[in-house]
C-alpha atoms as a PDB file:
ATOM      1  CA  MET A   1      41.366 -32.872 -49.578  1.00  0.00           C
ATOM      2  CA  ARG A   2      39.804 -35.833 -51.337  1.00  0.00           C
ATOM      3  CA  LYS A   3      38.129 -36.991 -48.076  1.00  0.00           C
ATOM      4  CA  LEU A   4      36.835 -33.486 -47.401  1.00  0.00           C
ATOM      5  CA  PHE A   5      35.419 -33.236 -50.927  1.00  0.00           C
ATOM      6  CA  THR A   6      33.707 -36.609 -50.487  1.00  0.00           C
ATOM      7  CA  ILE A   7      32.056 -35.535 -47.175  1.00  0.00           C
ATOM      8  CA  LEU A   8      30.811 -32.239 -48.658  1.00  0.00           C
ATOM      9  CA  SER A   9      29.373 -34.050 -51.674  1.00  0.00           C
ATOM     10  CA  PHE A  10      27.539 -36.475 -49.370  1.00  0.00           C
ATOM     11  CA  ILE A  11      26.030 -33.611 -47.315  1.00  0.00           C
ATOM     12  CA  LEU A  12      24.951 -31.708 -50.431  1.00  0.00           C
ATOM     13  CA  GLY A  13      23.349 -34.850 -51.764  1.00  0.00           C
ATOM     14  CA  LEU A  14      21.299 -35.283 -48.553  1.00  0.00           C
ATOM     15  CA  MET A  15      19.964 -31.684 -48.500  1.00  0.00           C
ATOM     16  CA  PRO A  16      17.129 -32.226 -51.062  1.00  0.00           C
ATOM     17  CA  THR A  17      15.999 -35.290 -49.131  1.00  0.00           C
ATOM     18  CA  LEU A  18      15.939 -33.369 -45.840  1.00  0.00           C
ATOM     19  CA  ALA A  19      14.056 -30.485 -47.451  1.00  0.00           C
ATOM     20  CA  LEU A  20      11.457 -32.879 -48.839  1.00  0.00           C
ATOM     21  CA  ALA A  21      11.061 -34.549 -45.453  1.00  0.00           C
ATOM     22  CA  GLN A  22      10.530 -31.142 -43.755  1.00  0.00           C
ATOM     23  CA  THR A  23       7.953 -30.230 -46.410  1.00  0.00           C
ATOM     24  CA  ASN A  24       5.956 -33.413 -45.797  1.00  0.00           C
ATOM     25  CA  THR A  25       6.098 -33.015 -42.000  1.00  0.00           C
ATOM     26  CA  SER A  26       3.135 -31.154 -40.414  1.00  0.00           C
ATOM     27  CA  LEU A  27       3.131 -29.492 -37.041  1.00  0.00           C
ATOM     28  CA  PRO A  28       0.571 -30.605 -34.427  1.00  0.00           C
ATOM     29  CA  GLY A  29      -2.501 -28.401 -34.225  1.00  0.00           C
ATOM     30  CA  ILE A  30      -3.623 -26.488 -31.135  1.00  0.00           C
ATOM     31  CA  ALA A  31      -7.300 -26.255 -30.301  1.00  0.00           C
ATOM     32  CA  VAL A  32      -8.752 -23.892 -27.679  1.00  0.00           C
ATOM     33  CA  ASN A  33     -12.092 -24.876 -26.184  1.00  0.00           C
ATOM     34  CA  PHE A  34     -13.894 -22.636 -23.733  1.00  0.00           C
ATOM     35  CA  GLY A  35     -16.444 -25.320 -22.867  1.00  0.00           C
ATOM     36  CA  GLN A  36     -20.033 -25.799 -23.815  1.00  0.00           C
ATOM     37  CA  GLY A  37     -22.519 -23.287 -22.504  1.00  0.00           C
ATOM     38  CA  ALA A  38     -19.968 -20.947 -20.899  1.00  0.00           C
ATOM     39  CA  ASP A  39     -21.656 -18.117 -19.030  1.00  0.00           C
ATOM     40  CA  LEU A  40     -20.452 -14.706 -20.190  1.00  0.00           C
ATOM     41  CA  VAL A  41     -21.568 -13.092 -16.924  1.00  0.00           C
ATOM     42  CA  ASP A  42     -19.280 -15.364 -14.904  1.00  0.00           C
ATOM     43  CA  THR A  43     -16.378 -14.442 -17.187  1.00  0.00           C
ATOM     44  CA  ILE A  44     -17.025 -10.726 -16.680  1.00  0.00           C
ATOM     45  CA  GLU A  45     -17.229 -11.272 -12.916  1.00  0.00           C
ATOM     46  CA  ILE A  46     -13.833 -12.984 -12.989  1.00  0.00           C
ATOM     47  CA  LEU A  47     -12.371 -10.051 -14.924  1.00  0.00           C
ATOM     48  CA  ILE A  48     -13.825  -7.614 -12.392  1.00  0.00           C
ATOM     49  CA  LEU A  49     -12.381  -9.694  -9.549  1.00  0.00           C
ATOM     50  CA  PHE A  50      -8.910  -9.638 -11.105  1.00  0.00           C
ATOM     51  CA  THR A  51      -9.221  -5.884 -11.610  1.00  0.00           C
ATOM     52  CA  VAL A  52     -10.046  -5.429  -7.930  1.00  0.00           C
ATOM     53  CA  LEU A  53      -7.060  -7.596  -6.962  1.00  0.00           C
ATOM     54  CA  THR A  54      -4.847  -5.415  -9.172  1.00  0.00           C
ATOM     55  CA  LEU A  55      -6.069  -2.290  -7.355  1.00  0.00           C
ATOM     56  CA  ALA A  56      -5.744  -3.956  -3.933  1.00  0.00           C
ATOM     57  CA  PRO A  57      -2.454  -2.187  -3.000  1.00  0.00           C
ATOM     58  CA  ALA A  58      -4.016   1.220  -3.679  1.00  0.00           C
ATOM     59  CA  ILE A  59      -7.107   0.256  -1.675  1.00  0.00           C
ATOM     60  CA  ILE A  60      -4.952  -0.920   1.240  1.00  0.00           C
ATOM     61  CA  ILE A  61      -2.954   2.330   1.217  1.00  0.00           C
ATOM     62  CA  LEU A  62      -5.781   4.814   0.709  1.00  0.00           C
ATOM     63  CA  CYS A  63      -8.854   3.315   2.395  1.00  0.00           C
ATOM     64  CA  THR A  64      -7.276   1.902   5.558  1.00  0.00           C
ATOM     65  CA  SER A  65      -5.130   3.074   8.448  1.00  0.00           C
ATOM     66  CA  PHE A  66      -1.895   2.467   6.530  1.00  0.00           C
ATOM     67  CA  THR A  67      -1.502   6.102   5.418  1.00  0.00           C
ATOM     68  CA  ARG A  68      -1.486   7.549   8.928  1.00  0.00           C
ATOM     69  CA  ILE A  69       0.805   4.849  10.308  1.00  0.00           C
ATOM     70  CA  ILE A  70       3.501   5.023   7.624  1.00  0.00           C
ATOM     71  CA  VAL A  71       3.598   8.848   7.683  1.00  0.00           C
ATOM     72  CA  VAL A  72       4.009   8.927  11.480  1.00  0.00           C
ATOM     73  CA  LEU A  73       6.758   6.293  11.370  1.00  0.00           C
ATOM     74  CA  SER A  74       8.553   8.281   8.665  1.00  0.00           C
ATOM     75  CA  PHE A  75       8.359  11.428  10.812  1.00  0.00           C
ATOM     76  CA  MET A  76       9.733   9.428  13.725  1.00  0.00           C
ATOM     77  CA  ARG A  77      12.757   8.341  11.716  1.00  0.00           C
ATOM     78  CA  GLN A  78      13.427  11.877  10.493  1.00  0.00           C
ATOM     79  CA  ALA A  79      13.096  13.288  14.014  1.00  0.00           C
ATOM     80  CA  LEU A  80      15.714  10.825  15.261  1.00  0.00           C
ATOM     81  CA  GLY A  81      18.046  11.827  12.438  1.00  0.00           C
ATOM     82  CA  THR A  82      19.080   8.236  11.693  1.00  0.00           C
ATOM     83  CA  GLN A  83      18.446   8.742   7.951  1.00  0.00           C
ATOM     84  CA  ASN A  84      17.741   5.249   6.513  1.00  0.00           C
ATOM     85  CA  MET A  85      17.652   3.395   9.799  1.00  0.00           C
ATOM     86  CA  PRO A  86      15.238   1.645  10.259  1.00  0.00           C
ATOM     87  CA  PRO A  87      15.138   0.837   6.516  1.00  0.00           C
ATOM     88  CA  ASN A  88      12.077   1.428   4.363  1.00  0.00           C
ATOM     89  CA  GLN A  89      11.251  -2.270   4.110  1.00  0.00           C
ATOM     90  CA  LEU A  90      11.084  -2.563   7.883  1.00  0.00           C
ATOM     91  CA  LEU A  91       8.900   0.524   8.295  1.00  0.00           C
ATOM     92  CA  ILE A  92       6.502  -0.596   5.550  1.00  0.00           C
ATOM     93  CA  GLY A  93       6.264  -4.105   6.998  1.00  0.00           C
ATOM     94  CA  PHE A  94       5.655  -2.747  10.497  1.00  0.00           C
ATOM     95  CA  ALA A  95       3.022  -0.349   9.145  1.00  0.00           C
ATOM     96  CA  LEU A  96       1.293  -3.221   7.335  1.00  0.00           C
ATOM     97  CA  PHE A  97       1.058  -5.347  10.473  1.00  0.00           C
ATOM     98  CA  LEU A  98      -0.196  -2.387  12.517  1.00  0.00           C
ATOM     99  CA  SER A  99      -2.774  -1.750   9.789  1.00  0.00           C
ATOM    100  CA  VAL A 100      -3.895  -5.383  10.018  1.00  0.00           C
ATOM    101  CA  PHE A 101      -4.263  -4.962  13.786  1.00  0.00           C
ATOM    102  CA  VAL A 102      -6.298  -1.770  13.440  1.00  0.00           C
ATOM    103  CA  MET A 103      -8.421  -3.042  10.545  1.00  0.00           C
ATOM    104  CA  MET A 104      -9.108  -6.484  12.048  1.00  0.00           C
ATOM    105  CA  PRO A 105     -12.761  -5.713  13.014  1.00  0.00           C
ATOM    106  CA  THR A 106     -13.405  -4.301   9.544  1.00  0.00           C
ATOM    107  CA  GLY A 107     -11.643  -7.243   7.912  1.00  0.00           C
ATOM    108  CA  THR A 108     -13.716  -9.699   9.950  1.00  0.00           C
ATOM    109  CA  ASN A 109     -16.928  -8.004   8.817  1.00  0.00           C
ATOM    110  CA  ILE A 110     -15.762  -8.055   5.196  1.00  0.00           C
ATOM    111  CA  TYR A 111     -15.018 -11.772   5.408  1.00  0.00           C
ATOM    112  CA  ASN A 112     -18.323 -12.641   7.064  1.00  0.00           C
ATOM    113  CA  ASN A 113     -20.498 -10.360   4.922  1.00  0.00           C
ATOM    114  CA  SER A 114     -18.763 -10.561   1.535  1.00  0.00           C
ATOM    115  CA  VAL A 115     -15.999 -13.106   1.055  1.00  0.00           C
ATOM    116  CA  LYS A 116     -17.561 -16.086   2.804  1.00  0.00           C
ATOM    117  CA  PRO A 117     -21.013 -15.766   1.144  1.00  0.00           C
ATOM    118  CA  TYR A 118     -19.381 -15.222  -2.255  1.00  0.00           C
ATOM    119  CA  LEU A 119     -17.249 -18.352  -1.940  1.00  0.00           C
ATOM    120  CA  ALA A 120     -20.353 -20.265  -0.875  1.00  0.00           C
ATOM    121  CA  LYS A 121     -22.172 -19.070  -4.059  1.00  0.00           C
ATOM    122  CA  GLN A 122     -24.769 -17.302  -1.942  1.00  0.00           C
ATOM    123  CA  ILE A 123     -24.200 -13.844  -3.456  1.00  0.00           C
ATOM    124  CA  LYS A 124     -22.840 -12.533  -6.740  1.00  0.00           C
ATOM    125  CA  ALA A 125     -19.665 -10.504  -7.236  1.00  0.00           C
ATOM    126  CA  PRO A 126     -21.423  -7.093  -7.520  1.00  0.00           C
ATOM    127  CA  GLU A 127     -23.209  -7.657  -4.211  1.00  0.00           C
ATOM    128  CA  ALA A 128     -19.959  -8.779  -2.577  1.00  0.00           C
ATOM    129  CA  LEU A 129     -18.171  -5.642  -3.783  1.00  0.00           C
ATOM    130  CA  HIS A 130     -21.047  -3.505  -2.513  1.00  0.00           C
ATOM    131  CA  ASN A 131     -20.805  -5.135   0.929  1.00  0.00           C
ATOM    132  CA  ILE A 132     -17.039  -4.543   0.993  1.00  0.00           C
ATOM    133  CA  GLU A 133     -17.649  -0.887   0.184  1.00  0.00           C
ATOM    134  CA  LEU A 134     -20.178  -0.593   3.025  1.00  0.00           C
ATOM    135  CA  ASP A 135     -17.779  -2.113   5.567  1.00  0.00           C
ATOM    136  CA  LEU A 136     -14.942   0.186   4.477  1.00  0.00           C
ATOM    137  CA  ARG A 137     -17.285   3.174   4.653  1.00  0.00           C
ATOM    138  CA  VAL A 138     -17.997   2.400   8.310  1.00  0.00           C
ATOM    139  CA  PHE A 139     -14.279   2.753   9.092  1.00  0.00           C
ATOM    140  CA  MET A 140     -13.721   5.832   6.936  1.00  0.00           C
ATOM    141  CA  GLU A 141     -16.794   7.644   8.258  1.00  0.00           C
ATOM    142  CA  LYS A 142     -15.423   7.366  11.809  1.00  0.00           C
ATOM    143  CA  HIS A 143     -12.164   9.154  10.959  1.00  0.00           C
ATOM    144  CA  VAL A 144     -13.099  11.603   8.202  1.00  0.00           C
ATOM    145  CA  ARG A 145     -13.574  15.284   9.022  1.00  0.00           C
ATOM    146  CA  LYS A 146     -16.645  17.170   7.886  1.00  0.00           C
ATOM    147  CA  PRO A 147     -14.635  20.185   6.557  1.00  0.00           C
ATOM    148  CA  ASP A 148     -12.693  17.822   4.293  1.00  0.00           C
ATOM    149  CA  ILE A 149     -15.943  16.414   2.900  1.00  0.00           C
ATOM    150  CA  GLN A 150     -17.357  19.914   2.480  1.00  0.00           C
ATOM    151  CA  LEU A 151     -14.291  20.904   0.420  1.00  0.00           C
ATOM    152  CA  PHE A 152     -15.205  18.570  -2.440  1.00  0.00           C
ATOM    153  CA  PHE A 153     -18.872  19.578  -2.386  1.00  0.00           C
ATOM    154  CA  ASP A 154     -17.845  23.251  -2.501  1.00  0.00           C
ATOM    155  CA  VAL A 155     -15.621  22.565  -5.520  1.00  0.00           C
ATOM    156  CA  THR A 156     -18.399  20.785  -7.423  1.00  0.00           C
ATOM    157  CA  GLY A 157     -21.111  23.181  -6.252  1.00  0.00           C
ATOM    158  CA  GLU A 158     -23.370  20.401  -5.015  1.00  0.00           C
ATOM    159  CA  ALA A 159     -25.385  20.511  -1.804  1.00  0.00           C
ATOM    160  CA  LEU A 160     -23.777  18.948   1.247  1.00  0.00           C
ATOM    161  CA  PRO A 161     -25.723  15.898   2.510  1.00  0.00           C
ATOM    162  CA  THR A 162     -27.154  15.998   5.994  1.00  0.00           C
ATOM    163  CA  ASN A 163     -25.699  12.604   6.865  1.00  0.00           C
ATOM    164  CA  VAL A 164     -22.181  11.328   6.209  1.00  0.00           C
ATOM    165  CA  SER A 165     -23.583   7.983   5.096  1.00  0.00           C
ATOM    166  CA  GLU A 166     -25.110   9.757   2.067  1.00  0.00           C
ATOM    167  CA  VAL A 167     -21.723  10.997   0.821  1.00  0.00           C
ATOM    168  CA  PRO A 168     -20.704   9.235  -2.429  1.00  0.00           C
ATOM    169  CA  ILE A 169     -17.668   7.001  -2.232  1.00  0.00           C
ATOM    170  CA  HIS A 170     -15.666   9.129  -4.702  1.00  0.00           C
ATOM    171  CA  TYR A 171     -16.130  12.083  -2.318  1.00  0.00           C
ATOM    172  CA  LEU A 172     -15.482  10.099   0.850  1.00  0.00           C
ATOM    173  CA  VAL A 173     -12.160   8.479  -0.135  1.00  0.00           C
ATOM    174  CA  PRO A 174     -10.185  11.691  -0.939  1.00  0.00           C
ATOM    175  CA  ALA A 175     -11.684  13.429   2.104  1.00  0.00           C
ATOM    176  CA  PHE A 176     -10.593  10.493   4.245  1.00  0.00           C
ATOM    177  CA  ILE A 177      -7.060  10.687   2.822  1.00  0.00           C
ATOM    178  CA  ILE A 178      -6.811  14.393   3.637  1.00  0.00           C
ATOM    179  CA  SER A 179      -8.039  13.744   7.173  1.00  0.00           C
ATOM    180  CA  GLU A 180      -5.494  10.955   7.663  1.00  0.00           C
ATOM    181  CA  LEU A 181      -2.643  13.128   6.397  1.00  0.00           C
ATOM    182  CA  LYS A 182      -3.652  15.982   8.715  1.00  0.00           C
ATOM    183  CA  THR A 183      -3.786  13.684  11.740  1.00  0.00           C
ATOM    184  CA  ALA A 184      -0.447  12.097  10.810  1.00  0.00           C
ATOM    185  CA  PHE A 185       1.248  15.502  10.486  1.00  0.00           C
ATOM    186  CA  GLN A 186      -0.160  16.579  13.852  1.00  0.00           C
ATOM    187  CA  ILE A 187       1.300  13.482  15.514  1.00  0.00           C
ATOM    188  CA  GLY A 188       4.588  14.010  13.659  1.00  0.00           C
ATOM    189  CA  PHE A 189       4.811  17.595  14.912  1.00  0.00           C
ATOM    190  CA  LEU A 190       4.392  16.433  18.504  1.00  0.00           C
ATOM    191  CA  LEU A 191       7.107  13.819  17.962  1.00  0.00           C
ATOM    192  CA  TYR A 192       9.516  16.421  16.616  1.00  0.00           C
ATOM    193  CA  ILE A 193       9.318  18.765  19.626  1.00  0.00           C
ATOM    194  CA  PRO A 194      11.495  16.873  22.190  1.00  0.00           C
ATOM    195  CA  PHE A 195      14.192  16.089  19.620  1.00  0.00           C
ATOM    196  CA  LEU A 196      14.156  19.686  18.381  1.00  0.00           C
ATOM    197  CA  VAL A 197      14.659  20.930  21.943  1.00  0.00           C
ATOM    198  CA  LEU A 198      17.566  18.517  22.340  1.00  0.00           C
ATOM    199  CA  ASP A 199      19.165  19.788  19.123  1.00  0.00           C
ATOM    200  CA  MET A 200      18.830  23.390  20.325  1.00  0.00           C
ATOM    201  CA  VAL A 201      20.433  22.564  23.690  1.00  0.00           C
ATOM    202  CA  VAL A 202      23.366  20.783  22.034  1.00  0.00           C
ATOM    203  CA  ALA A 203      23.826  23.632  19.559  1.00  0.00           C
ATOM    204  CA  SER A 204      23.856  26.203  22.411  1.00  0.00           C
ATOM    205  CA  VAL A 205      26.432  24.179  24.371  1.00  0.00           C
ATOM    206  CA  LEU A 206      28.695  23.807  21.354  1.00  0.00           C
ATOM    207  CA  MET A 207      28.456  27.517  20.607  1.00  0.00           C
ATOM    208  CA  ALA A 208      29.282  28.372  24.223  1.00  0.00           C
ATOM    209  CA  MET A 209      32.346  26.101  24.021  1.00  0.00           C
ATOM    210  CA  GLY A 210      33.481  27.764  20.811  1.00  0.00           C
ATOM    211  CA  MET A 211      33.013  24.607  18.736  1.00  0.00           C
ATOM    212  CA  MET A 212      30.951  26.252  16.029  1.00  0.00           C
ATOM    213  CA  MET A 213      32.442  24.170  13.208  1.00  0.00           C
ATOM    214  CA  LEU A 214      31.205  20.902  14.718  1.00  0.00           C
ATOM    215  CA  PRO A 215      27.727  19.944  13.377  1.00  0.00           C
ATOM    216  CA  PRO A 216      25.255  19.835  16.287  1.00  0.00           C
ATOM    217  CA  VAL A 217      23.375  16.945  14.667  1.00  0.00           C
ATOM    218  CA  MET A 218      26.431  14.723  14.906  1.00  0.00           C
ATOM    219  CA  VAL A 219      26.703  15.345  18.647  1.00  0.00           C
ATOM    220  CA  SER A 220      22.981  15.212  19.425  1.00  0.00           C
ATOM    221  CA  LEU A 221      22.368  11.899  17.613  1.00  0.00           C
ATOM    222  CA  PRO A 222      23.761   9.671  20.407  1.00  0.00           C
ATOM    223  CA  PHE A 223      21.774  11.636  22.999  1.00  0.00           C
ATOM    224  CA  LYS A 224      18.613  11.256  20.884  1.00  0.00           C
ATOM    225  CA  LEU A 225      19.095   7.519  20.663  1.00  0.00           C
ATOM    226  CA  LEU A 226      19.791   7.311  24.402  1.00  0.00           C
ATOM    227  CA  LEU A 227      16.687   9.331  25.242  1.00  0.00           C
ATOM    228  CA  PHE A 228      14.570   7.281  22.819  1.00  0.00           C
ATOM    229  CA  VAL A 229      15.742   4.002  24.310  1.00  0.00           C
ATOM    230  CA  LEU A 230      15.343   5.131  27.934  1.00  0.00           C
ATOM    231  CA  VAL A 231      11.719   6.208  27.457  1.00  0.00           C
ATOM    232  CA  ASP A 232      10.944   3.081  25.351  1.00  0.00           C
ATOM    233  CA  GLY A 233      10.162   5.245  22.361  1.00  0.00           C
ATOM    234  CA  TRP A 234       8.866   2.606  19.963  1.00  0.00           C
ATOM    235  CA  GLN A 235       6.277   1.466  22.473  1.00  0.00           C
ATOM    236  CA  LEU A 236       5.146   5.052  23.098  1.00  0.00           C
ATOM    237  CA  VAL A 237       4.934   5.856  19.383  1.00  0.00           C
ATOM    238  CA  THR A 238       3.071   2.640  18.598  1.00  0.00           C
ATOM    239  CA  GLY A 239       0.661   3.250  21.466  1.00  0.00           C
ATOM    240  CA  ALA A 240       0.047   6.818  20.305  1.00  0.00           C
ATOM    241  CA  ILE A 241      -0.707   5.627  16.768  1.00  0.00           C
ATOM    242  CA  LEU A 242      -3.097   2.902  17.895  1.00  0.00           C
ATOM    243  CA  ARG A 243      -4.893   5.151  20.394  1.00  0.00           C
ATOM    244  CA  SER A 244      -5.389   7.798  17.710  1.00  0.00           C
ATOM    245  CA  PHE A 245      -7.834   5.427  15.979  1.00  0.00           C
ATOM    246  CA  ASN A 246     -10.020   5.216  19.078  1.00  0.00           C
END
């Protein structure tokens, strides 16, 4: 007990000294310097560029061929009845690479007309964004339907332009999305027909055999997979998707 009391007394005696040392100690300062003569316009351009990069996933999904491809692949999986096989990650990755293949001419024009001159300091960011918009418009104008464009002009009550190139971008993008969804559902309907016929045949056979309690989907699934493999289904579906953009 005497040793313990001695140690505690020594620690209590050191506490004022430690407090005084902490009081006299100053933390290092932090200085932030943005540089001399910083251009505010360049800073705003950088902020705009980061904003565009943040919206890049939405642009890739809505203004390219990705929408049609992923919807058709999803219909294909549902028609087969394999539920989560292939998994979502595989379908999205496959759709992305097919979108890169389809959008390669547009991407090449964007790089040559916008990205490369901007990196070479030949054009400013607003001009680069305008060139990107023009290149994307060329692709969207090829696949958009005039009734879909007319829908938005009818809602706003404005006059329909005589040329599709005069349609504002905020009219063109939703019209393009509607057109892509319609085309994707048409392709999906055609993909459903052979598998639907196979389900009906299996259901009729099971009913004729008196096996009404057995789910027809469970029996038709192996036949669907066999038929899909024999006709090389993935190649046919991929070819149909790619040819639909021609």
